[in-house]
């Protein structure tokens, strides 16, 4: 899961979509214009006593037609891609305001507890929950069993002190005899604040600062983010 680098406070809605430069169409159009000029010049300056061979002329006209069709195809494909992106954004707005469970390994601590689900696993004998800062320094760790459970981190380090606000990574280590045998992702519990387009991709901004794709949502929460909240699997 990515971290949204736009502050959630004061964010009034979906930002304007930035369109990619139409380089492919512009390039094809440039080639088309160049071809047309060359063909026109060739016809204007041909020797009347030795005109262009009819077969060669037909081949040039065929090339002319192929370039023209390619430009039109590129325009239609770009229009189709834009329409699909907008359609995907419309569909993603259904998530706005909902509390969701989503595959993630990162979140932004801003003073409020960060809530996760630790999935059940048959790998290893126990589970170690590790929270690190973006530099990779471990600030908190906790041992638990391999059963599914909810986990809430209130921004404390291993000494009980408060950590600084910022971006953190949560790792779920499956352990055997004190050794890590598998590293998996936690499931973030958070509210969807907005849906936006980034290029042609639809992204959802979470209240914990996360930026996910709709396909990364694994469940919708029926109640508030508390220890007794139940998840309705998709």
Foldseek 3Di string as FASTA:
>chain_A
DAFAPDDPPPDDAADDEDEDDPVVLVVLVVVLVVLVVVVVVCQVPADPVDGDDPVVVVVSVVVSVVSVVVSVVSVVVVVVLVVVLVVVQVVVQVQAFFWFWFWFFKFWDDQAKWKWKQAADPPAAWKKKFKAAPVRHTFDIDIGHRHIFMDIDRQAGPVRDHDDTTMMTIWIFHDYPRDGPDIGTIITTFGFHHWYDDHSAIWTATPRRDIHGPVRTFWTWPDDPDRPIDTDGD
